[in-house]
Amino acid sequence: MKKLCSICVVAVLCVFTAMEVNAQKSKSFAGTVKFAIKYEGDTDPQTHQPGEYICTVFGNKQKTSNQWYQQIVDGDAVTITVLLDIPGNRMGYTQKKESIEEQFSAVKLTYTKSEETKTICGYVCTRYDITVLDVEEDEESKVIVYTTTEIGSGNNINSTTLPGLTGFPLYIEQESEGVKSIQEAIEVKKAKIKSVDFMVPSDYTIYDTQEEFQEKLQELMGSGGEE
């Protein structure tokens, strides 16, 4: 009986130890990632210019923004919210899970994991070569990414962009119409981020579909922004 009790105690301790280790491994990243963008090929300098943007990351949520535009991505809920801060008209729309999944139903994604790695901002990243097949148009394109599981350990972080891909991409290379674009992280900072930072402010009008949003935006542009 004493031997049985000892075994039970050891088993319980093992369970709690495993839970603690898993909790440490699965601890979500919170902070910012700054990306540099550059273009190669026959580019129009007016439309393709090297630049930078900052992505705020909190677990499987991401937000990019500038003075008038914000995009909030929720990888767990599989939603994308776009917000425009137009003087006198703060508005936006949320693309819901059903709509995103419908878009991906017409695309076949094939991920090929490579043995090649690349250290970006101190994070060891694994290379994935991705084939994107547009089933309806029968057109194929290629994407190269380097991801790190230290920022995104599961694939939910990519559920709205590259579903099924593991890890947070710190490097994305793709080509379209003879123009190659490269996005690469140049700075990663851990920081205290709050979930409230990803909530839509109450003074924004949110439309149910992108089509409704675009119609309203066209009305505003046509009237010079006046109601």
C-alpha atoms as a PDB file:
ATOM      1  CA  MET A   1       0.000   0.000   0.000  1.00  0.00           C
ATOM      2  CA  LYS A   2       2.826   2.380   0.901  1.00  0.00           C
ATOM      3  CA  LYS A   3       4.545   1.466  -2.356  1.00  0.00           C
ATOM      4  CA  LEU A   4       1.362   2.240  -4.288  1.00  0.00           C
ATOM      5  CA  CYS A   5       1.028   5.623  -2.548  1.00  0.00           C
ATOM      6  CA  SER A   6       4.655   6.450  -3.374  1.00  0.00           C
ATOM      7  CA  ILE A   7       4.041   5.629  -7.048  1.00  0.00           C
ATOM      8  CA  CYS A   8       0.934   7.848  -7.073  1.00  0.00           C
ATOM      9  CA  VAL A   9       2.844  10.761  -5.502  1.00  0.00           C
ATOM     10  CA  VAL A  10       5.644  10.412  -8.091  1.00  0.00           C
ATOM     11  CA  ALA A  11       3.064  10.274 -10.888  1.00  0.00           C
ATOM     12  CA  VAL A  12       1.330  13.433  -9.661  1.00  0.00           C
ATOM     13  CA  LEU A  13       4.663  15.265  -9.361  1.00  0.00           C
ATOM     14  CA  CYS A  14       5.539  14.202 -12.905  1.00  0.00           C
ATOM     15  CA  VAL A  15       2.213  15.541 -14.202  1.00  0.00           C
ATOM     16  CA  PHE A  16       2.695  18.914 -12.534  1.00  0.00           C
ATOM     17  CA  THR A  17       6.291  19.118 -13.765  1.00  0.00           C
ATOM     18  CA  ALA A  18       5.147  18.374 -17.330  1.00  0.00           C
ATOM     19  CA  MET A  19       2.408  20.991 -17.045  1.00  0.00           C
ATOM     20  CA  GLU A  20       4.921  23.594 -15.866  1.00  0.00           C
ATOM     21  CA  VAL A  21       7.358  22.816 -18.707  1.00  0.00           C
ATOM     22  CA  ASN A  22       4.564  22.933 -21.303  1.00  0.00           C
ATOM     23  CA  ALA A  23       3.316  26.226 -19.885  1.00  0.00           C
ATOM     24  CA  GLN A  24       6.786  27.708 -20.247  1.00  0.00           C
ATOM     25  CA  LYS A  25       7.082  26.425 -23.816  1.00  0.00           C
ATOM     26  CA  SER A  26       3.664  27.698 -24.841  1.00  0.00           C
ATOM     27  CA  LYS A  27       4.048  31.139 -23.278  1.00  0.00           C
ATOM     28  CA  SER A  28       2.810  33.628 -25.856  1.00  0.00           C
ATOM     29  CA  PHE A  29       5.062  36.283 -27.326  1.00  0.00           C
ATOM     30  CA  ALA A  30       4.116  39.894 -26.708  1.00  0.00           C
ATOM     31  CA  GLY A  31       5.951  42.748 -28.372  1.00  0.00           C
ATOM     32  CA  THR A  32       6.658  44.480 -31.664  1.00  0.00           C
ATOM     33  CA  VAL A  33       8.342  43.424 -34.880  1.00  0.00           C
ATOM     34  CA  LYS A  34       9.660  46.067 -37.280  1.00  0.00           C
ATOM     35  CA  PHE A  35       9.877  45.035 -40.936  1.00  0.00           C
ATOM     36  CA  ALA A  36      11.800  46.589 -43.801  1.00  0.00           C
ATOM     37  CA  ILE A  37      10.324  46.281 -47.286  1.00  0.00           C
ATOM     38  CA  LYS A  38      12.271  46.375 -50.515  1.00  0.00           C
ATOM     39  CA  TYR A  39      11.412  45.694 -54.138  1.00  0.00           C
ATOM     40  CA  GLU A  40      13.468  44.219 -56.937  1.00  0.00           C
ATOM     41  CA  GLY A  41      12.731  44.190 -60.648  1.00  0.00           C
ATOM     42  CA  ASP A  42      10.974  46.554 -63.031  1.00  0.00           C
ATOM     43  CA  THR A  43       9.284  48.741 -60.428  1.00  0.00           C
ATOM     44  CA  ASP A  44       7.480  52.051 -60.609  1.00  0.00           C
ATOM     45  CA  PRO A  45       9.195  54.289 -58.017  1.00  0.00           C
ATOM     46  CA  GLN A  46       5.866  56.029 -57.378  1.00  0.00           C
ATOM     47  CA  THR A  47       4.114  52.835 -56.323  1.00  0.00           C
ATOM     48  CA  HIS A  48       6.910  50.603 -55.040  1.00  0.00           C
ATOM     49  CA  GLN A  49       9.205  52.265 -52.557  1.00  0.00           C
ATOM     50  CA  PRO A  50      11.338  50.705 -49.835  1.00  0.00           C
ATOM     51  CA  GLY A  51       9.812  51.340 -46.460  1.00  0.00           C
ATOM     52  CA  GLU A  52       9.136  50.007 -42.998  1.00  0.00           C
ATOM     53  CA  TYR A  53       6.189  49.010 -40.886  1.00  0.00           C
ATOM     54  CA  ILE A  54       5.708  47.806 -37.316  1.00  0.00           C
ATOM     55  CA  CYS A  55       3.606  44.812 -36.345  1.00  0.00           C
ATOM     56  CA  THR A  56       2.362  44.514 -32.748  1.00  0.00           C
ATOM     57  CA  VAL A  57       2.076  40.871 -31.694  1.00  0.00           C
ATOM     58  CA  PHE A  58       0.156  39.464 -28.746  1.00  0.00           C
ATOM     59  CA  GLY A  59      -0.128  35.683 -28.875  1.00  0.00           C
ATOM     60  CA  ASN A  60      -2.014  34.933 -32.099  1.00  0.00           C
ATOM     61  CA  LYS A  61      -3.153  38.532 -32.557  1.00  0.00           C
ATOM     62  CA  GLN A  62      -1.370  41.062 -34.742  1.00  0.00           C
ATOM     63  CA  LYS A  63      -1.865  44.751 -35.506  1.00  0.00           C
ATOM     64  CA  THR A  64      -0.231  46.998 -38.079  1.00  0.00           C
ATOM     65  CA  SER A  65      -1.005  50.689 -38.305  1.00  0.00           C
ATOM     66  CA  ASN A  66      -0.054  54.143 -39.511  1.00  0.00           C
ATOM     67  CA  GLN A  67      -1.629  57.576 -39.055  1.00  0.00           C
ATOM     68  CA  TRP A  68      -4.903  56.734 -40.803  1.00  0.00           C
ATOM     69  CA  TYR A  69      -4.994  52.960 -41.251  1.00  0.00           C
ATOM     70  CA  GLN A  70      -5.062  49.935 -38.951  1.00  0.00           C
ATOM     71  CA  GLN A  71      -5.345  46.223 -39.606  1.00  0.00           C
ATOM     72  CA  ILE A  72      -6.124  43.889 -36.720  1.00  0.00           C
ATOM     73  CA  VAL A  73      -5.746  40.151 -37.238  1.00  0.00           C
ATOM     74  CA  ASP A  74      -7.076  37.567 -34.800  1.00  0.00           C
ATOM     75  CA  GLY A  75      -5.554  34.211 -35.645  1.00  0.00           C
ATOM     76  CA  ASP A  76      -7.692  32.288 -33.151  1.00  0.00           C
ATOM     77  CA  ALA A  77     -11.016  33.771 -34.269  1.00  0.00           C
ATOM     78  CA  VAL A  78      -9.775  33.856 -37.898  1.00  0.00           C
ATOM     79  CA  THR A  79     -10.867  37.449 -38.544  1.00  0.00           C
ATOM     80  CA  ILE A  80      -9.320  40.513 -40.177  1.00  0.00           C
ATOM     81  CA  THR A  81     -10.517  43.993 -39.179  1.00  0.00           C
ATOM     82  CA  VAL A  82      -9.555  47.003 -41.280  1.00  0.00           C
ATOM     83  CA  LEU A  83      -9.981  50.507 -39.833  1.00  0.00           C
ATOM     84  CA  LEU A  84      -9.696  53.861 -41.599  1.00  0.00           C
ATOM     85  CA  ASP A  85      -9.422  57.089 -39.639  1.00  0.00           C
ATOM     86  CA  ILE A  86     -10.890  59.604 -42.090  1.00  0.00           C
ATOM     87  CA  PRO A  87     -11.558  63.022 -40.532  1.00  0.00           C
ATOM     88  CA  GLY A  88     -15.191  62.984 -39.476  1.00  0.00           C
ATOM     89  CA  ASN A  89     -15.656  59.371 -40.588  1.00  0.00           C
ATOM     90  CA  ARG A  90     -13.891  56.665 -38.612  1.00  0.00           C
ATOM     91  CA  MET A  91     -14.988  53.457 -40.283  1.00  0.00           C
ATOM     92  CA  GLY A  92     -13.992  49.917 -41.110  1.00  0.00           C
ATOM     93  CA  TYR A  93     -15.088  46.352 -41.715  1.00  0.00           C
ATOM     94  CA  THR A  94     -14.409  42.886 -40.358  1.00  0.00           C
ATOM     95  CA  GLN A  95     -13.740  39.984 -42.676  1.00  0.00           C
ATOM     96  CA  LYS A  96     -15.104  36.976 -40.841  1.00  0.00           C
ATOM     97  CA  LYS A  97     -13.919  33.387 -40.654  1.00  0.00           C
ATOM     98  CA  GLU A  98     -16.430  32.094 -43.199  1.00  0.00           C
ATOM     99  CA  SER A  99     -15.326  34.636 -45.808  1.00  0.00           C
ATOM    100  CA  ILE A 100     -11.615  33.938 -45.251  1.00  0.00           C
ATOM    101  CA  GLU A 101     -12.118  30.181 -45.446  1.00  0.00           C
ATOM    102  CA  GLU A 102     -14.124  30.605 -48.652  1.00  0.00           C
ATOM    103  CA  GLN A 103     -11.199  32.461 -50.234  1.00  0.00           C
ATOM    104  CA  PHE A 104      -8.770  29.729 -49.250  1.00  0.00           C
ATOM    105  CA  SER A 105     -11.085  27.031 -50.621  1.00  0.00           C
ATOM    106  CA  ALA A 106     -10.108  28.205 -54.120  1.00  0.00           C
ATOM    107  CA  VAL A 107      -6.381  28.037 -53.312  1.00  0.00           C
ATOM    108  CA  LYS A 108      -4.132  25.047 -52.726  1.00  0.00           C
ATOM    109  CA  LEU A 109      -1.143  25.705 -50.487  1.00  0.00           C
ATOM    110  CA  THR A 110       1.829  23.329 -50.407  1.00  0.00           C
ATOM    111  CA  TYR A 111       4.509  23.805 -47.741  1.00  0.00           C
ATOM    112  CA  THR A 112       7.972  22.301 -48.182  1.00  0.00           C
ATOM    113  CA  LYS A 113      10.104  22.540 -45.059  1.00  0.00           C
ATOM    114  CA  SER A 114      13.826  22.999 -45.666  1.00  0.00           C
ATOM    115  CA  GLU A 115      16.839  22.103 -43.576  1.00  0.00           C
ATOM    116  CA  GLU A 116      18.102  25.614 -44.253  1.00  0.00           C
ATOM    117  CA  THR A 117      17.924  28.106 -41.400  1.00  0.00           C
ATOM    118  CA  LYS A 118      18.560  31.816 -41.105  1.00  0.00           C
ATOM    119  CA  THR A 119      19.130  33.912 -37.999  1.00  0.00           C
ATOM    120  CA  ILE A 120      17.041  37.080 -38.071  1.00  0.00           C
ATOM    121  CA  CYS A 121      17.139  39.553 -35.178  1.00  0.00           C
ATOM    122  CA  GLY A 122      18.635  36.829 -32.994  1.00  0.00           C
ATOM    123  CA  TYR A 123      15.917  34.273 -33.799  1.00  0.00           C
ATOM    124  CA  VAL A 124      16.790  31.066 -35.627  1.00  0.00           C
ATOM    125  CA  CYS A 125      14.251  30.740 -38.451  1.00  0.00           C
ATOM    126  CA  THR A 126      13.335  27.729 -40.567  1.00  0.00           C
ATOM    127  CA  ARG A 127      12.835  28.093 -44.312  1.00  0.00           C
ATOM    128  CA  TYR A 128       9.591  27.041 -45.985  1.00  0.00           C
ATOM    129  CA  ASP A 129       9.091  27.053 -49.757  1.00  0.00           C
ATOM    130  CA  ILE A 130       5.413  27.590 -50.452  1.00  0.00           C
ATOM    131  CA  THR A 131       3.553  26.845 -53.672  1.00  0.00           C
ATOM    132  CA  VAL A 132       0.286  28.762 -54.081  1.00  0.00           C
ATOM    133  CA  LEU A 133      -2.018  27.252 -56.703  1.00  0.00           C
ATOM    134  CA  ASP A 134      -5.076  29.223 -57.797  1.00  0.00           C
ATOM    135  CA  VAL A 135      -7.389  26.319 -58.585  1.00  0.00           C
ATOM    136  CA  GLU A 136      -9.872  28.350 -60.639  1.00  0.00           C
ATOM    137  CA  GLU A 137      -7.273  30.149 -62.774  1.00  0.00           C
ATOM    138  CA  ASP A 138      -4.808  27.232 -62.727  1.00  0.00           C
ATOM    139  CA  GLU A 139      -2.026  29.687 -61.932  1.00  0.00           C
ATOM    140  CA  GLU A 140       0.884  28.960 -59.614  1.00  0.00           C
ATOM    141  CA  SER A 141       3.101  31.290 -57.612  1.00  0.00           C
ATOM    142  CA  LYS A 142       5.947  30.810 -55.149  1.00  0.00           C
ATOM    143  CA  VAL A 143       6.578  32.272 -51.702  1.00  0.00           C
ATOM    144  CA  ILE A 144       9.661  31.835 -49.509  1.00  0.00           C
ATOM    145  CA  VAL A 145       9.326  32.401 -45.784  1.00  0.00           C
ATOM    146  CA  TYR A 146      11.538  31.967 -42.733  1.00  0.00           C
ATOM    147  CA  THR A 147       9.577  31.406 -39.520  1.00  0.00           C
ATOM    148  CA  THR A 148      10.408  31.163 -35.834  1.00  0.00           C
ATOM    149  CA  THR A 149       8.421  29.208 -33.254  1.00  0.00           C
ATOM    150  CA  GLU A 150       9.834  31.459 -30.505  1.00  0.00           C
ATOM    151  CA  ILE A 151       7.293  34.084 -31.573  1.00  0.00           C
ATOM    152  CA  GLY A 152       4.533  31.840 -32.895  1.00  0.00           C
ATOM    153  CA  SER A 153       4.636  28.203 -31.772  1.00  0.00           C
ATOM    154  CA  GLY A 154       1.386  27.107 -33.465  1.00  0.00           C
ATOM    155  CA  ASN A 155      -0.159  27.678 -36.881  1.00  0.00           C
ATOM    156  CA  ASN A 156      -3.084  29.828 -35.683  1.00  0.00           C
ATOM    157  CA  ILE A 157      -0.898  32.897 -35.970  1.00  0.00           C
ATOM    158  CA  ASN A 158      -0.992  32.377 -39.765  1.00  0.00           C
ATOM    159  CA  SER A 159      -4.618  31.266 -40.076  1.00  0.00           C
ATOM    160  CA  THR A 160      -5.664  34.359 -42.069  1.00  0.00           C
ATOM    161  CA  THR A 161      -2.643  34.461 -44.382  1.00  0.00           C
ATOM    162  CA  LEU A 162      -0.957  31.072 -44.720  1.00  0.00           C
ATOM    163  CA  PRO A 163      -3.116  28.542 -42.841  1.00  0.00           C
ATOM    164  CA  GLY A 164      -1.206  25.494 -41.697  1.00  0.00           C
ATOM    165  CA  LEU A 165       2.175  27.233 -41.595  1.00  0.00           C
ATOM    166  CA  THR A 166       3.983  26.886 -38.275  1.00  0.00           C
ATOM    167  CA  GLY A 167       5.819  29.790 -36.689  1.00  0.00           C
ATOM    168  CA  PHE A 168       5.832  33.559 -37.127  1.00  0.00           C
ATOM    169  CA  PRO A 169       7.381  34.695 -40.447  1.00  0.00           C
ATOM    170  CA  LEU A 170      10.306  37.092 -40.010  1.00  0.00           C
ATOM    171  CA  TYR A 171      11.092  36.950 -43.740  1.00  0.00           C
ATOM    172  CA  ILE A 172       8.670  36.828 -46.686  1.00  0.00           C
ATOM    173  CA  GLU A 173       9.763  36.823 -50.319  1.00  0.00           C
ATOM    174  CA  GLN A 174       7.338  36.686 -53.240  1.00  0.00           C
ATOM    175  CA  GLU A 175       7.144  37.760 -56.851  1.00  0.00           C
ATOM    176  CA  SER A 176       4.256  39.172 -58.868  1.00  0.00           C
ATOM    177  CA  GLU A 177       4.278  40.467 -62.445  1.00  0.00           C
ATOM    178  CA  GLY A 178       8.057  40.594 -62.535  1.00  0.00           C
ATOM    179  CA  VAL A 179       8.408  42.465 -59.255  1.00  0.00           C
ATOM    180  CA  LYS A 180       9.951  40.723 -56.254  1.00  0.00           C
ATOM    181  CA  SER A 181       9.027  42.037 -52.811  1.00  0.00           C
ATOM    182  CA  ILE A 182      10.996  41.164 -49.701  1.00  0.00           C
ATOM    183  CA  GLN A 183       9.808  41.829 -46.159  1.00  0.00           C
ATOM    184  CA  GLU A 184      12.380  41.134 -43.455  1.00  0.00           C
ATOM    185  CA  ALA A 185      12.331  41.861 -39.741  1.00  0.00           C
ATOM    186  CA  ILE A 186      14.984  44.333 -38.679  1.00  0.00           C
ATOM    187  CA  GLU A 187      13.994  44.651 -35.015  1.00  0.00           C
ATOM    188  CA  VAL A 188      12.108  42.478 -32.515  1.00  0.00           C
ATOM    189  CA  LYS A 189      11.222  43.898 -29.109  1.00  0.00           C
ATOM    190  CA  LYS A 190       9.420  42.183 -26.279  1.00  0.00           C
ATOM    191  CA  ALA A 191       6.982  44.528 -24.551  1.00  0.00           C
ATOM    192  CA  LYS A 192       3.923  44.619 -22.337  1.00  0.00           C
ATOM    193  CA  ILE A 193       0.946  44.428 -24.676  1.00  0.00           C
ATOM    194  CA  LYS A 194      -2.691  44.392 -23.568  1.00  0.00           C
ATOM    195  CA  SER A 195      -5.570  42.604 -25.271  1.00  0.00           C
ATOM    196  CA  VAL A 196      -7.492  45.898 -25.165  1.00  0.00           C
ATOM    197  CA  ASP A 197      -5.007  47.254 -27.726  1.00  0.00           C
ATOM    198  CA  PHE A 198      -6.673  44.977 -30.295  1.00  0.00           C
ATOM    199  CA  MET A 199     -10.227  46.109 -29.610  1.00  0.00           C
ATOM    200  CA  VAL A 200     -12.091  48.348 -32.058  1.00  0.00           C
ATOM    201  CA  PRO A 201     -12.706  51.834 -30.597  1.00  0.00           C
ATOM    202  CA  SER A 202     -16.383  52.546 -29.944  1.00  0.00           C
ATOM    203  CA  ASP A 203     -16.466  55.582 -32.264  1.00  0.00           C
ATOM    204  CA  TYR A 204     -15.797  53.493 -35.382  1.00  0.00           C
ATOM    205  CA  THR A 205     -18.633  52.417 -37.689  1.00  0.00           C
ATOM    206  CA  ILE A 206     -17.994  48.803 -38.629  1.00  0.00           C
ATOM    207  CA  TYR A 207     -19.633  47.363 -41.748  1.00  0.00           C
ATOM    208  CA  ASP A 208     -20.543  43.701 -42.096  1.00  0.00           C
ATOM    209  CA  THR A 209     -18.791  43.190 -45.441  1.00  0.00           C
ATOM    210  CA  GLN A 210     -15.936  44.673 -47.405  1.00  0.00           C
ATOM    211  CA  GLU A 211     -18.380  45.493 -50.204  1.00  0.00           C
ATOM    212  CA  GLU A 212     -20.544  47.666 -47.919  1.00  0.00           C
ATOM    213  CA  PHE A 213     -17.424  49.386 -46.626  1.00  0.00           C
ATOM    214  CA  GLN A 214     -16.126  50.120 -50.137  1.00  0.00           C
ATOM    215  CA  GLU A 215     -19.500  51.480 -51.237  1.00  0.00           C
ATOM    216  CA  LYS A 216     -19.571  53.880 -48.282  1.00  0.00           C
ATOM    217  CA  LEU A 217     -15.959  54.867 -48.907  1.00  0.00           C
ATOM    218  CA  GLN A 218     -16.726  55.649 -52.556  1.00  0.00           C
ATOM    219  CA  GLU A 219     -19.667  57.779 -51.471  1.00  0.00           C
ATOM    220  CA  LEU A 220     -17.397  59.750 -49.138  1.00  0.00           C
ATOM    221  CA  MET A 221     -14.708  60.177 -51.779  1.00  0.00           C
ATOM    222  CA  GLY A 222     -17.300  61.327 -54.302  1.00  0.00           C
ATOM    223  CA  SER A 223     -18.741  63.891 -51.919  1.00  0.00           C
ATOM    224  CA  GLY A 224     -15.368  65.151 -50.758  1.00  0.00           C
ATOM    225  CA  GLY A 225     -15.848  63.546 -47.354  1.00  0.00           C
ATOM    226  CA  GLU A 226     -19.058  65.398 -46.588  1.00  0.00           C
ATOM    227  CA  GLU A 227     -22.188  63.625 -45.405  1.00  0.00           C
END
